[in-house]
Amino acid sequence: MTPLQCAKEIADFLRKEIAQDQEGVQAIFVDKPPETEEIRVFVGFLPRASTNAEKKKLCPAIVVRPESVSDTDDGSSVKLLFSVTTYDEDKESGYISLYNLLEWIRLKLLSNSPIGERWDLQSSLETAIPDEQPFPQWWGYLEGSFVLPQPHKIYWRNLGER
């Protein structure tokens, strides 16, 4: 089970939760008609967009990607980065849906661990929203480590001569 497989399965979990929790999703976008906000979930990276129109089509979005892998004697883990972006031209309160979406993701991850009965969240999640924002987009992220099955040592003698 690879770090990318973990990211893909957790992204699938978020897609399912979005589809099943329409009331919660609508509450994220308090000042907007819910039919205009479809949350997209990507694995890896957000597709490149150069114009505001292209950026608006991508938002709101959640991007799940493996950031690093740690292997110790006690086990292996993958740190996943959940980048979140919204689009709102309101300079005074456009950020609110970003905060709401980050909180929705945080609650889903914390209350459903292990996800898919295999991806166990280790200890904590960290949420951050940088001061610098790419207005009219708003972005923030969550970071969390999930347990990976640790590969076992395979000795060449068990496989025959090299």
Foldseek 3Di string as FASTA:
>chain_A
DDQQVVQVLVLVVVVVCCVVPVVLLCVLVVPDDSVQADEAEEEDDQDDDDDPVRVQVNPFYWYKYFDDWDQDPVAIKTKIKIKTKHFDQPPPCLCSSQVSVVVVSQVVLVVCPPRPVAWGWPDDKDKDFDPDAPPSMGMIIIITMTTDGHDDDDDVVVVPDD
